[in-house]
Amino acid sequence: MKNSIRNIFQRLSQPYFIFCCFMCLLVTLLPWWPTHEILIIPKYALLFGPRWWLLITVIGLFVFWRYLSKRQLQFSSLLMLLSLNYLDFQLPSVASYFSTSTSTSTSTSTTISSEISILSANIGGGGSKNELDSIGFSMEPDIILLQEARRIELSTLFNDYDFKECISGLCIVSKYPFKQVKVLSRKLFQGWGIFAVFYEIETQFGMVSLANVHFETPRSVLMGLIYRTFDFSLATTIDSNRQFEAELVSLWSQNKSHTLIAGDFNMPEDENTYQRNFTHLNNAIGTKGFGFNATKHTVWHGVRIDHVLYSDDFKLKTVDVIESINGDHRPVIATFSVGN
């Protein structure tokens, strides 16, 4: 009996090791997946599903440790690191602690340095004072960006802020005066709603270009996965729309100084659409986050889809994901220092 069990484990050890290697390679290459329609549904399943499955799978290798070679056991440590990377476990970038603001003025030898803080929160259709109290506005950030804020009454909230505006659920509340410069609507591709609003913010250290975004969600594709209805036509349309939205916002942000993009991207940092459009900017959580910083939570797992992006002439000082009580999204607050 023992011999038969031992033989079974021995026969399974090599295929299981190869399977673990293949799956780790597959998810590690997610940022560079090609945009082929047959890959869209598997891509969303891997990006938005519970990511702990890979870590559990790799841990299963140690059941076969007696039957793996010394080199395979050593390689298993790399597979463990890749599974943690897929889980989106962040360690602060060492470079972030030594970077400096690169913007300098040629007209004067005096350097003016200041800070600006921004908080972004998807409030999920909320808007009452009780619902908003847990978000972290008591920190009094300089700029607050809200998504899905269709029920909010700005006239009765944020009395300490002089400048406020809401457009189709995308709201800005600011201590600095701002000018709206552009609005992007999904009518561009026969859709509904606003997905980006662009501003110029007048600060004491100069003009800041800011975008508040809420990209299209792949929820309908994910629901199809749950109920086993694989609609490739719907998945292709949604993926195409999301790519189009990201490309338009990316084009706006190219070759700009003092640029911030924040909001609900509805895409993780390792999605190929994000990688093609936003890697010219820095991701605040990706740069200085520590541990697991999921901003969207379900009953049994979380994913980081809310971001604050910034250009190189900002220096990130702090970033936090706020553990708010209400809603399934977690607000993100970041503070930057700026030199002019």
C-alpha atoms as a PDB file:
ATOM      1  CA  MET A   1       0.000   0.000   0.000  1.00  0.00           C
ATOM      2  CA  LYS A   2       2.759   2.420   0.969  1.00  0.00           C
ATOM      3  CA  ASN A   3       4.705   1.519  -2.140  1.00  0.00           C
ATOM      4  CA  SER A   4       1.710   2.167  -4.381  1.00  0.00           C
ATOM      5  CA  ILE A   5       1.118   5.584  -2.798  1.00  0.00           C
ATOM      6  CA  ARG A   6       4.821   6.376  -3.163  1.00  0.00           C
ATOM      7  CA  ASN A   7       4.684   5.403  -6.838  1.00  0.00           C
ATOM      8  CA  ILE A   8       1.676   7.633  -7.434  1.00  0.00           C
ATOM      9  CA  PHE A   9       3.437  10.618  -5.834  1.00  0.00           C
ATOM     10  CA  GLN A  10       6.558   9.923  -7.841  1.00  0.00           C
ATOM     11  CA  ARG A  11       4.620   9.798 -11.124  1.00  0.00           C
ATOM     12  CA  LEU A  12       2.777  13.030 -10.313  1.00  0.00           C
ATOM     13  CA  SER A  13       5.744  15.037  -9.045  1.00  0.00           C
ATOM     14  CA  GLN A  14       7.240  15.950 -12.439  1.00  0.00           C
ATOM     15  CA  PRO A  15       3.962  16.890 -14.210  1.00  0.00           C
ATOM     16  CA  TYR A  16       2.933  18.909 -11.161  1.00  0.00           C
ATOM     17  CA  PHE A  17       6.250  20.776 -11.112  1.00  0.00           C
ATOM     18  CA  ILE A  18       5.933  21.547 -14.844  1.00  0.00           C
ATOM     19  CA  PHE A  19       2.348  22.731 -14.312  1.00  0.00           C
ATOM     20  CA  CYS A  20       3.469  25.120 -11.541  1.00  0.00           C
ATOM     21  CA  CYS A  21       6.228  26.502 -13.749  1.00  0.00           C
ATOM     22  CA  PHE A  22       3.819  27.017 -16.640  1.00  0.00           C
ATOM     23  CA  MET A  23       1.193  28.810 -14.536  1.00  0.00           C
ATOM     24  CA  CYS A  24       3.787  31.085 -12.895  1.00  0.00           C
ATOM     25  CA  LEU A  25       5.142  31.994 -16.323  1.00  0.00           C
ATOM     26  CA  LEU A  26       1.634  32.592 -17.655  1.00  0.00           C
ATOM     27  CA  VAL A  27       0.614  35.087 -14.951  1.00  0.00           C
ATOM     28  CA  THR A  28       4.027  36.790 -14.871  1.00  0.00           C
ATOM     29  CA  LEU A  29       3.646  37.571 -18.584  1.00  0.00           C
ATOM     30  CA  LEU A  30       0.140  39.045 -18.135  1.00  0.00           C
ATOM     31  CA  PRO A  31       1.351  42.647 -18.684  1.00  0.00           C
ATOM     32  CA  TRP A  32       2.595  41.642 -22.145  1.00  0.00           C
ATOM     33  CA  TRP A  33      -0.244  39.418 -23.310  1.00  0.00           C
ATOM     34  CA  PRO A  34      -1.272  40.111 -26.934  1.00  0.00           C
ATOM     35  CA  THR A  35      -4.684  41.653 -27.573  1.00  0.00           C
ATOM     36  CA  HIS A  36      -6.309  38.655 -29.223  1.00  0.00           C
ATOM     37  CA  GLU A  37     -10.046  38.156 -28.709  1.00  0.00           C
ATOM     38  CA  ILE A  38      -9.667  34.548 -27.590  1.00  0.00           C
ATOM     39  CA  LEU A  39      -7.365  35.685 -24.752  1.00  0.00           C
ATOM     40  CA  ILE A  40      -9.683  38.377 -23.348  1.00  0.00           C
ATOM     41  CA  ILE A  41     -11.827  36.159 -21.101  1.00  0.00           C
ATOM     42  CA  PRO A  42      -8.842  34.191 -19.698  1.00  0.00           C
ATOM     43  CA  LYS A  43      -7.064  37.522 -19.118  1.00  0.00           C
ATOM     44  CA  TYR A  44      -9.940  38.932 -17.070  1.00  0.00           C
ATOM     45  CA  ALA A  45     -10.272  35.676 -15.145  1.00  0.00           C
ATOM     46  CA  LEU A  46      -6.605  35.812 -14.120  1.00  0.00           C
ATOM     47  CA  LEU A  47      -6.596  39.550 -13.410  1.00  0.00           C
ATOM     48  CA  PHE A  48      -9.818  39.892 -11.433  1.00  0.00           C
ATOM     49  CA  GLY A  49     -10.273  36.441  -9.939  1.00  0.00           C
ATOM     50  CA  PRO A  50      -8.881  35.404  -6.531  1.00  0.00           C
ATOM     51  CA  ARG A  51      -5.118  35.381  -6.979  1.00  0.00           C
ATOM     52  CA  TRP A  52      -4.309  33.243  -3.968  1.00  0.00           C
ATOM     53  CA  TRP A  53      -4.924  30.087  -6.014  1.00  0.00           C
ATOM     54  CA  LEU A  54      -1.398  30.259  -7.477  1.00  0.00           C
ATOM     55  CA  LEU A  55       0.304  30.517  -4.085  1.00  0.00           C
ATOM     56  CA  ILE A  56      -1.685  27.510  -2.845  1.00  0.00           C
ATOM     57  CA  THR A  57      -0.759  25.598  -6.005  1.00  0.00           C
ATOM     58  CA  VAL A  58       2.959  26.346  -5.568  1.00  0.00           C
ATOM     59  CA  ILE A  59       2.850  25.452  -1.865  1.00  0.00           C
ATOM     60  CA  GLY A  60       1.506  22.090  -3.026  1.00  0.00           C
ATOM     61  CA  LEU A  61       4.945  21.388  -4.490  1.00  0.00           C
ATOM     62  CA  PHE A  62       6.244  20.675  -1.007  1.00  0.00           C
ATOM     63  CA  VAL A  63       3.971  17.625  -0.862  1.00  0.00           C
ATOM     64  CA  PHE A  64       6.297  16.182  -3.518  1.00  0.00           C
ATOM     65  CA  TRP A  65       9.572  17.425  -2.040  1.00  0.00           C
ATOM     66  CA  ARG A  66      10.992  13.917  -1.665  1.00  0.00           C
ATOM     67  CA  TYR A  67      10.580  13.293  -5.375  1.00  0.00           C
ATOM     68  CA  LEU A  68      11.992  16.568  -6.703  1.00  0.00           C
ATOM     69  CA  SER A  69      15.627  17.123  -7.560  1.00  0.00           C
ATOM     70  CA  LYS A  70      17.758  19.571  -5.605  1.00  0.00           C
ATOM     71  CA  ARG A  71      17.606  22.044  -8.488  1.00  0.00           C
ATOM     72  CA  GLN A  72      13.817  21.767  -8.679  1.00  0.00           C
ATOM     73  CA  LEU A  73      13.540  22.438  -4.951  1.00  0.00           C
ATOM     74  CA  GLN A  74      15.719  25.520  -5.332  1.00  0.00           C
ATOM     75  CA  PHE A  75      13.638  26.654  -8.309  1.00  0.00           C
ATOM     76  CA  SER A  76      10.506  26.267  -6.178  1.00  0.00           C
ATOM     77  CA  SER A  77      11.633  29.313  -4.163  1.00  0.00           C
ATOM     78  CA  LEU A  78      11.528  31.388  -7.358  1.00  0.00           C
ATOM     79  CA  LEU A  79       8.040  30.063  -8.094  1.00  0.00           C
ATOM     80  CA  MET A  80       7.014  31.162  -4.595  1.00  0.00           C
ATOM     81  CA  LEU A  81       8.275  34.695  -5.281  1.00  0.00           C
ATOM     82  CA  LEU A  82       6.432  34.799  -8.606  1.00  0.00           C
ATOM     83  CA  SER A  83       3.203  33.746  -6.911  1.00  0.00           C
ATOM     84  CA  LEU A  84       3.639  36.544  -4.332  1.00  0.00           C
ATOM     85  CA  ASN A  85       4.240  38.985  -7.178  1.00  0.00           C
ATOM     86  CA  TYR A  86       1.009  37.801  -8.795  1.00  0.00           C
ATOM     87  CA  LEU A  87      -0.732  38.355  -5.454  1.00  0.00           C
ATOM     88  CA  ASP A  88       0.367  42.010  -5.872  1.00  0.00           C
ATOM     89  CA  PHE A  89       2.493  42.099  -2.745  1.00  0.00           C
ATOM     90  CA  GLN A  90       4.320  45.447  -2.872  1.00  0.00           C
ATOM     91  CA  LEU A  91       7.698  46.429  -1.538  1.00  0.00           C
ATOM     92  CA  PRO A  92       8.704  50.099  -1.746  1.00  0.00           C
ATOM     93  CA  SER A  93      11.002  50.968  -4.626  1.00  0.00           C
ATOM     94  CA  VAL A  94      14.471  51.813  -3.308  1.00  0.00           C
ATOM     95  CA  ALA A  95      14.800  54.503  -5.983  1.00  0.00           C
ATOM     96  CA  SER A  96      11.750  56.326  -4.624  1.00  0.00           C
ATOM     97  CA  TYR A  97      13.646  57.280  -1.483  1.00  0.00           C
ATOM     98  CA  PHE A  98      16.492  58.866  -3.412  1.00  0.00           C
ATOM     99  CA  SER A  99      14.582  60.528  -6.251  1.00  0.00           C
ATOM    100  CA  THR A 100      14.291  64.287  -6.336  1.00  0.00           C
ATOM    101  CA  SER A 101      11.925  66.620  -8.056  1.00  0.00           C
ATOM    102  CA  THR A 102      13.446  67.376 -11.452  1.00  0.00           C
ATOM    103  CA  SER A 103      11.595  70.584 -12.210  1.00  0.00           C
ATOM    104  CA  THR A 104      13.814  73.644 -11.839  1.00  0.00           C
ATOM    105  CA  SER A 105      13.375  77.266 -12.726  1.00  0.00           C
ATOM    106  CA  THR A 106      15.878  79.079 -14.922  1.00  0.00           C
ATOM    107  CA  SER A 107      14.498  82.539 -14.174  1.00  0.00           C
ATOM    108  CA  THR A 108      15.563  82.666 -10.537  1.00  0.00           C
ATOM    109  CA  SER A 109      18.078  81.042  -8.272  1.00  0.00           C
ATOM    110  CA  THR A 110      15.499  80.716  -5.494  1.00  0.00           C
ATOM    111  CA  THR A 111      13.926  77.281  -5.120  1.00  0.00           C
ATOM    112  CA  ILE A 112      10.318  77.137  -3.952  1.00  0.00           C
ATOM    113  CA  SER A 113       9.332  73.770  -2.574  1.00  0.00           C
ATOM    114  CA  SER A 114       5.841  72.828  -1.519  1.00  0.00           C
ATOM    115  CA  GLU A 115       3.538  69.870  -1.042  1.00  0.00           C
ATOM    116  CA  ILE A 116       0.250  68.820  -2.567  1.00  0.00           C
ATOM    117  CA  SER A 117      -1.974  65.981  -1.387  1.00  0.00           C
ATOM    118  CA  ILE A 118      -4.679  64.224  -3.366  1.00  0.00           C
ATOM    119  CA  LEU A 119      -7.332  61.729  -2.294  1.00  0.00           C
ATOM    120  CA  SER A 120      -9.247  59.596  -4.768  1.00  0.00           C
ATOM    121  CA  ALA A 121     -12.327  57.590  -3.769  1.00  0.00           C
ATOM    122  CA  ASN A 122     -15.000  55.631  -5.599  1.00  0.00           C
ATOM    123  CA  ILE A 123     -17.950  56.067  -3.250  1.00  0.00           C
ATOM    124  CA  GLY A 124     -20.151  53.582  -5.084  1.00  0.00           C
ATOM    125  CA  GLY A 125     -23.214  55.757  -5.548  1.00  0.00           C
ATOM    126  CA  GLY A 126     -23.093  57.056  -1.968  1.00  0.00           C
ATOM    127  CA  GLY A 127     -23.131  60.651  -0.943  1.00  0.00           C
ATOM    128  CA  SER A 128     -24.670  61.175   2.474  1.00  0.00           C
ATOM    129  CA  LYS A 129     -22.558  62.700   5.220  1.00  0.00           C
ATOM    130  CA  ASN A 130     -22.641  59.475   7.247  1.00  0.00           C
ATOM    131  CA  GLU A 131     -21.427  57.464   4.255  1.00  0.00           C
ATOM    132  CA  LEU A 132     -18.576  59.871   3.591  1.00  0.00           C
ATOM    133  CA  ASP A 133     -17.353  60.287   7.176  1.00  0.00           C
ATOM    134  CA  SER A 134     -15.314  57.055   7.066  1.00  0.00           C
ATOM    135  CA  ILE A 135     -13.403  57.879   3.885  1.00  0.00           C
ATOM    136  CA  GLY A 136     -10.659  60.003   5.410  1.00  0.00           C
ATOM    137  CA  PHE A 137     -11.585  63.562   4.536  1.00  0.00           C
ATOM    138  CA  SER A 138     -10.540  64.548   8.071  1.00  0.00           C
ATOM    139  CA  MET A 139      -6.974  64.396   6.697  1.00  0.00           C
ATOM    140  CA  GLU A 140      -7.943  67.505   4.702  1.00  0.00           C
ATOM    141  CA  PRO A 141      -6.147  66.701   1.435  1.00  0.00           C
ATOM    142  CA  ASP A 142      -5.663  69.593  -0.966  1.00  0.00           C
ATOM    143  CA  ILE A 143      -7.670  67.898  -3.728  1.00  0.00           C
ATOM    144  CA  ILE A 144     -10.413  65.281  -3.454  1.00  0.00           C
ATOM    145  CA  LEU A 145     -11.539  63.307  -6.502  1.00  0.00           C
ATOM    146  CA  LEU A 146     -14.703  61.221  -6.314  1.00  0.00           C
ATOM    147  CA  GLN A 147     -16.131  58.635  -8.696  1.00  0.00           C
ATOM    148  CA  GLU A 148     -19.708  57.274  -8.766  1.00  0.00           C
ATOM    149  CA  ALA A 149     -20.837  60.277  -6.735  1.00  0.00           C
ATOM    150  CA  ARG A 150     -24.175  60.872  -8.443  1.00  0.00           C
ATOM    151  CA  ARG A 151     -26.094  61.310  -5.174  1.00  0.00           C
ATOM    152  CA  ILE A 152     -23.673  63.702  -3.545  1.00  0.00           C
ATOM    153  CA  GLU A 153     -24.716  67.231  -2.562  1.00  0.00           C
ATOM    154  CA  LEU A 154     -21.601  69.391  -2.741  1.00  0.00           C
ATOM    155  CA  SER A 155     -23.456  72.425  -1.422  1.00  0.00           C
ATOM    156  CA  THR A 156     -23.897  70.766   1.973  1.00  0.00           C
ATOM    157  CA  LEU A 157     -20.510  69.026   2.165  1.00  0.00           C
ATOM    158  CA  PHE A 158     -16.850  70.030   2.146  1.00  0.00           C
ATOM    159  CA  ASN A 159     -17.490  73.497   3.555  1.00  0.00           C
ATOM    160  CA  ASP A 160     -13.766  74.056   4.066  1.00  0.00           C
ATOM    161  CA  TYR A 161     -13.162  73.830   0.326  1.00  0.00           C
ATOM    162  CA  ASP A 162     -13.865  76.805  -1.927  1.00  0.00           C
ATOM    163  CA  PHE A 163     -13.783  75.105  -5.319  1.00  0.00           C
ATOM    164  CA  LYS A 164     -16.106  72.219  -6.219  1.00  0.00           C
ATOM    165  CA  GLU A 165     -17.647  70.603  -9.279  1.00  0.00           C
ATOM    166  CA  CYS A 166     -19.476  67.398 -10.259  1.00  0.00           C
ATOM    167  CA  ILE A 167     -19.993  66.040 -13.759  1.00  0.00           C
ATOM    168  CA  SER A 168     -21.913  62.801 -14.199  1.00  0.00           C
ATOM    169  CA  GLY A 169     -20.651  61.248 -10.980  1.00  0.00           C
ATOM    170  CA  LEU A 170     -17.068  62.517 -11.330  1.00  0.00           C
ATOM    171  CA  CYS A 171     -16.458  65.206  -8.690  1.00  0.00           C
ATOM    172  CA  ILE A 172     -13.564  67.425  -7.722  1.00  0.00           C
ATOM    173  CA  VAL A 173     -13.223  69.310  -4.435  1.00  0.00           C
ATOM    174  CA  SER A 174     -10.178  71.563  -4.220  1.00  0.00           C
ATOM    175  CA  LYS A 175      -8.468  74.134  -2.037  1.00  0.00           C
ATOM    176  CA  TYR A 176      -6.964  75.562  -5.229  1.00  0.00           C
ATOM    177  CA  PRO A 177      -8.868  77.235  -8.078  1.00  0.00           C
ATOM    178  CA  PHE A 178      -9.217  75.062 -11.157  1.00  0.00           C
ATOM    179  CA  LYS A 179     -10.343  75.283 -14.756  1.00  0.00           C
ATOM    180  CA  GLN A 180     -12.068  72.422 -16.535  1.00  0.00           C
ATOM    181  CA  VAL A 181     -10.366  71.930 -19.889  1.00  0.00           C
ATOM    182  CA  LYS A 182     -11.918  68.766 -21.345  1.00  0.00           C
ATOM    183  CA  VAL A 183     -14.572  66.096 -20.755  1.00  0.00           C
ATOM    184  CA  LEU A 184     -14.554  62.664 -22.411  1.00  0.00           C
ATOM    185  CA  SER A 185     -17.845  60.810 -22.853  1.00  0.00           C
ATOM    186  CA  ARG A 186     -18.581  57.237 -23.865  1.00  0.00           C
ATOM    187  CA  LYS A 187     -20.802  58.664 -26.597  1.00  0.00           C
ATOM    188  CA  LEU A 188     -17.586  58.529 -28.619  1.00  0.00           C
ATOM    189  CA  PHE A 189     -18.223  54.783 -28.982  1.00  0.00           C
ATOM    190  CA  GLN A 190     -22.031  54.669 -28.552  1.00  0.00           C
ATOM    191  CA  GLY A 191     -21.770  54.252 -24.797  1.00  0.00           C
ATOM    192  CA  TRP A 192     -23.192  56.135 -21.831  1.00  0.00           C
ATOM    193  CA  GLY A 193     -21.636  58.349 -19.175  1.00  0.00           C
ATOM    194  CA  ILE A 194     -18.439  60.342 -18.626  1.00  0.00           C
ATOM    195  CA  PHE A 195     -15.164  58.484 -18.132  1.00  0.00           C
ATOM    196  CA  ALA A 196     -12.644  61.339 -17.758  1.00  0.00           C
ATOM    197  CA  VAL A 197     -12.599  65.017 -16.796  1.00  0.00           C
ATOM    198  CA  PHE A 198      -9.431  67.099 -17.191  1.00  0.00           C
ATOM    199  CA  TYR A 199      -8.466  70.156 -15.171  1.00  0.00           C
ATOM    200  CA  GLU A 200      -5.774  72.774 -14.782  1.00  0.00           C
ATOM    201  CA  ILE A 201      -5.171  73.507 -11.093  1.00  0.00           C
ATOM    202  CA  GLU A 202      -3.634  76.842 -10.069  1.00  0.00           C
ATOM    203  CA  THR A 203      -1.299  76.116  -7.159  1.00  0.00           C
ATOM    204  CA  GLN A 204       1.281  78.240  -5.373  1.00  0.00           C
ATOM    205  CA  PHE A 205       4.057  76.400  -7.228  1.00  0.00           C
ATOM    206  CA  GLY A 206       2.505  76.595 -10.696  1.00  0.00           C
ATOM    207  CA  MET A 207      -0.066  74.895 -12.898  1.00  0.00           C
ATOM    208  CA  VAL A 208      -0.914  71.215 -12.357  1.00  0.00           C
ATOM    209  CA  SER A 209      -2.640  69.125 -15.017  1.00  0.00           C
ATOM    210  CA  LEU A 210      -5.109  66.731 -13.407  1.00  0.00           C
ATOM    211  CA  ALA A 211      -7.437  64.011 -14.706  1.00  0.00           C
ATOM    212  CA  ASN A 212     -10.250  62.347 -12.775  1.00  0.00           C
ATOM    213  CA  VAL A 213     -11.046  59.004 -14.449  1.00  0.00           C
ATOM    214  CA  HIS A 214     -13.506  56.146 -14.149  1.00  0.00           C
ATOM    215  CA  PHE A 215     -12.892  53.618 -16.916  1.00  0.00           C
ATOM    216  CA  GLU A 216     -15.408  51.015 -18.066  1.00  0.00           C
ATOM    217  CA  THR A 217     -15.729  47.952 -15.860  1.00  0.00           C
ATOM    218  CA  PRO A 218     -15.330  44.371 -17.156  1.00  0.00           C
ATOM    219  CA  ARG A 219     -17.998  43.247 -14.667  1.00  0.00           C
ATOM    220  CA  SER A 220     -20.335  41.780 -17.293  1.00  0.00           C
ATOM    221  CA  VAL A 221     -17.536  39.552 -18.625  1.00  0.00           C
ATOM    222  CA  LEU A 222     -16.717  38.399 -15.097  1.00  0.00           C
ATOM    223  CA  MET A 223     -20.379  37.675 -14.370  1.00  0.00           C
ATOM    224  CA  GLY A 224     -20.460  35.603 -17.536  1.00  0.00           C
ATOM    225  CA  LEU A 225     -17.528  33.598 -16.186  1.00  0.00           C
ATOM    226  CA  ILE A 226     -19.331  32.985 -12.901  1.00  0.00           C
ATOM    227  CA  TYR A 227     -22.484  31.774 -14.672  1.00  0.00           C
ATOM    228  CA  ARG A 228     -20.525  29.962 -17.406  1.00  0.00           C
ATOM    229  CA  THR A 229     -21.824  32.031 -20.305  1.00  0.00           C
ATOM    230  CA  PHE A 230     -18.784  32.822 -22.446  1.00  0.00           C
ATOM    231  CA  ASP A 231     -19.798  35.700 -24.717  1.00  0.00           C
ATOM    232  CA  PHE A 232     -16.648  36.437 -26.715  1.00  0.00           C
ATOM    233  CA  SER A 233     -18.369  39.164 -28.727  1.00  0.00           C
ATOM    234  CA  LEU A 234     -19.332  41.071 -25.553  1.00  0.00           C
ATOM    235  CA  ALA A 235     -15.852  40.559 -24.093  1.00  0.00           C
ATOM    236  CA  THR A 236     -14.231  41.919 -27.264  1.00  0.00           C
ATOM    237  CA  THR A 237     -16.459  45.010 -27.268  1.00  0.00           C
ATOM    238  CA  ILE A 238     -15.795  45.789 -23.612  1.00  0.00           C
ATOM    239  CA  ASP A 239     -12.059  45.254 -23.947  1.00  0.00           C
ATOM    240  CA  SER A 240     -11.958  47.469 -27.027  1.00  0.00           C
ATOM    241  CA  ASN A 241     -13.849  50.237 -25.209  1.00  0.00           C
ATOM    242  CA  ARG A 242     -11.521  50.044 -22.219  1.00  0.00           C
ATOM    243  CA  GLN A 243      -8.468  50.238 -24.479  1.00  0.00           C
ATOM    244  CA  PHE A 244      -9.931  53.249 -26.286  1.00  0.00           C
ATOM    245  CA  GLU A 245     -10.619  55.084 -23.016  1.00  0.00           C
ATOM    246  CA  ALA A 246      -7.119  54.380 -21.725  1.00  0.00           C
ATOM    247  CA  GLU A 247      -5.499  55.494 -24.992  1.00  0.00           C
ATOM    248  CA  LEU A 248      -7.329  58.828 -25.002  1.00  0.00           C
ATOM    249  CA  VAL A 249      -6.325  59.638 -21.424  1.00  0.00           C
ATOM    250  CA  SER A 250      -2.778  58.466 -22.122  1.00  0.00           C
ATOM    251  CA  LEU A 251      -2.500  60.756 -25.154  1.00  0.00           C
ATOM    252  CA  TRP A 252      -3.606  63.711 -23.020  1.00  0.00           C
ATOM    253  CA  SER A 253      -0.878  62.984 -20.452  1.00  0.00           C
ATOM    254  CA  GLN A 254       2.012  62.589 -22.882  1.00  0.00           C
ATOM    255  CA  ASN A 255       4.829  65.167 -22.662  1.00  0.00           C
ATOM    256  CA  LYS A 256       3.150  67.125 -19.873  1.00  0.00           C
ATOM    257  CA  SER A 257       4.821  68.422 -16.745  1.00  0.00           C
ATOM    258  CA  HIS A 258       3.233  68.359 -13.286  1.00  0.00           C
ATOM    259  CA  THR A 259       0.638  65.786 -14.323  1.00  0.00           C
ATOM    260  CA  LEU A 260      -1.618  63.698 -12.083  1.00  0.00           C
ATOM    261  CA  ILE A 261      -4.156  61.050 -13.086  1.00  0.00           C
ATOM    262  CA  ALA A 262      -6.295  59.519 -10.354  1.00  0.00           C
ATOM    263  CA  GLY A 263      -9.476  57.530 -10.024  1.00  0.00           C
ATOM    264  CA  ASP A 264     -11.041  54.147 -10.591  1.00  0.00           C
ATOM    265  CA  PHE A 265      -9.135  52.661 -13.525  1.00  0.00           C
ATOM    266  CA  ASN A 266     -10.975  49.336 -13.265  1.00  0.00           C
ATOM    267  CA  MET A 267      -7.697  47.698 -14.245  1.00  0.00           C
ATOM    268  CA  PRO A 268      -4.788  46.325 -12.209  1.00  0.00           C
ATOM    269  CA  GLU A 269      -1.265  47.508 -12.843  1.00  0.00           C
ATOM    270  CA  ASP A 270      -0.366  44.176 -14.482  1.00  0.00           C
ATOM    271  CA  GLU A 271      -3.098  44.369 -17.144  1.00  0.00           C
ATOM    272  CA  ASN A 272      -1.733  44.733 -20.674  1.00  0.00           C
ATOM    273  CA  THR A 273      -3.983  47.762 -21.343  1.00  0.00           C
ATOM    274  CA  TYR A 274      -2.467  49.573 -18.356  1.00  0.00           C
ATOM    275  CA  GLN A 275       1.072  48.640 -19.384  1.00  0.00           C
ATOM    276  CA  ARG A 276       0.620  49.956 -22.915  1.00  0.00           C
ATOM    277  CA  ASN A 277      -0.797  53.304 -21.838  1.00  0.00           C
ATOM    278  CA  PHE A 278       0.383  54.396 -18.398  1.00  0.00           C
ATOM    279  CA  THR A 279       3.936  53.203 -17.760  1.00  0.00           C
ATOM    280  CA  HIS A 280       5.288  56.648 -18.722  1.00  0.00           C
ATOM    281  CA  LEU A 281       3.846  57.791 -15.383  1.00  0.00           C
ATOM    282  CA  ASN A 282       4.665  56.566 -11.877  1.00  0.00           C
ATOM    283  CA  ASN A 283       2.130  54.620  -9.833  1.00  0.00           C
ATOM    284  CA  ALA A 284       2.029  55.894  -6.234  1.00  0.00           C
ATOM    285  CA  ILE A 285       1.105  52.574  -4.584  1.00  0.00           C
ATOM    286  CA  GLY A 286       3.367  50.621  -6.913  1.00  0.00           C
ATOM    287  CA  THR A 287       6.260  52.937  -6.023  1.00  0.00           C
ATOM    288  CA  LYS A 288       5.944  53.251  -2.262  1.00  0.00           C
ATOM    289  CA  GLY A 289       3.257  50.800  -1.168  1.00  0.00           C
ATOM    290  CA  PHE A 290       4.021  48.000   1.248  1.00  0.00           C
ATOM    291  CA  GLY A 291       2.169  44.717   1.601  1.00  0.00           C
ATOM    292  CA  PHE A 292      -1.221  43.983   0.064  1.00  0.00           C
ATOM    293  CA  ASN A 293      -3.004  47.166  -0.988  1.00  0.00           C
ATOM    294  CA  ALA A 294      -6.186  45.983  -2.674  1.00  0.00           C
ATOM    295  CA  THR A 295      -8.526  48.898  -3.338  1.00  0.00           C
ATOM    296  CA  LYS A 296     -11.513  46.850  -4.504  1.00  0.00           C
ATOM    297  CA  HIS A 297     -12.818  44.121  -2.203  1.00  0.00           C
ATOM    298  CA  THR A 298     -15.235  41.244  -2.665  1.00  0.00           C
ATOM    299  CA  VAL A 299     -16.318  38.680  -0.102  1.00  0.00           C
ATOM    300  CA  TRP A 300     -13.317  36.440  -0.704  1.00  0.00           C
ATOM    301  CA  HIS A 301     -10.578  38.435  -2.429  1.00  0.00           C
ATOM    302  CA  GLY A 302      -9.378  41.913  -3.429  1.00  0.00           C
ATOM    303  CA  VAL A 303      -7.643  43.608  -6.357  1.00  0.00           C
ATOM    304  CA  ARG A 304      -5.856  46.950  -6.803  1.00  0.00           C
ATOM    305  CA  ILE A 305      -7.722  48.893  -9.501  1.00  0.00           C
ATOM    306  CA  ASP A 306      -7.761  52.441  -8.048  1.00  0.00           C
ATOM    307  CA  HIS A 307      -4.580  54.386  -8.751  1.00  0.00           C
ATOM    308  CA  VAL A 308      -2.853  57.736  -8.375  1.00  0.00           C
ATOM    309  CA  LEU A 309      -0.354  58.322 -11.210  1.00  0.00           C
ATOM    310  CA  TYR A 310       2.156  61.151 -11.340  1.00  0.00           C
ATOM    311  CA  SER A 311       4.821  62.566 -13.645  1.00  0.00           C
ATOM    312  CA  ASP A 312       8.534  62.548 -12.841  1.00  0.00           C
ATOM    313  CA  ASP A 313       8.604  66.169 -11.663  1.00  0.00           C
ATOM    314  CA  PHE A 314       6.685  65.195  -8.539  1.00  0.00           C
ATOM    315  CA  LYS A 315       8.400  63.441  -5.657  1.00  0.00           C
ATOM    316  CA  LEU A 316       6.159  61.022  -3.792  1.00  0.00           C
ATOM    317  CA  LYS A 317       6.356  61.478  -0.036  1.00  0.00           C
ATOM    318  CA  THR A 318       3.599  59.187   1.279  1.00  0.00           C
ATOM    319  CA  VAL A 319       0.803  57.011  -0.049  1.00  0.00           C
ATOM    320  CA  ASP A 320      -1.864  55.068   1.830  1.00  0.00           C
ATOM    321  CA  VAL A 321      -4.924  52.960   1.100  1.00  0.00           C
ATOM    322  CA  ILE A 322      -7.576  54.026   3.605  1.00  0.00           C
ATOM    323  CA  GLU A 323      -9.502  51.242   5.315  1.00  0.00           C
ATOM    324  CA  SER A 324     -12.919  52.854   5.051  1.00  0.00           C
ATOM    325  CA  ILE A 325     -15.946  51.170   6.579  1.00  0.00           C
ATOM    326  CA  ASN A 326     -18.511  51.752   3.825  1.00  0.00           C
ATOM    327  CA  GLY A 327     -18.403  50.554   0.248  1.00  0.00           C
ATOM    328  CA  ASP A 328     -16.322  47.982  -1.599  1.00  0.00           C
ATOM    329  CA  HIS A 329     -13.648  50.450  -2.724  1.00  0.00           C
ATOM    330  CA  ARG A 330     -10.787  51.751  -0.589  1.00  0.00           C
ATOM    331  CA  PRO A 331      -9.739  55.401  -1.093  1.00  0.00           C
ATOM    332  CA  VAL A 332      -6.140  56.208  -1.988  1.00  0.00           C
ATOM    333  CA  ILE A 333      -4.370  59.294  -0.601  1.00  0.00           C
ATOM    334  CA  ALA A 334      -0.940  60.456  -1.793  1.00  0.00           C
ATOM    335  CA  THR A 335       1.236  63.419  -0.847  1.00  0.00           C
ATOM    336  CA  PHE A 336       3.838  64.889  -3.195  1.00  0.00           C
ATOM    337  CA  SER A 337       6.559  67.466  -2.862  1.00  0.00           C
ATOM    338  CA  VAL A 338       7.138  69.797  -5.762  1.00  0.00           C
ATOM    339  CA  GLY A 339      10.089  72.018  -6.600  1.00  0.00           C
ATOM    340  CA  ASN A 340       9.914  75.015  -8.917  1.00  0.00           C
END
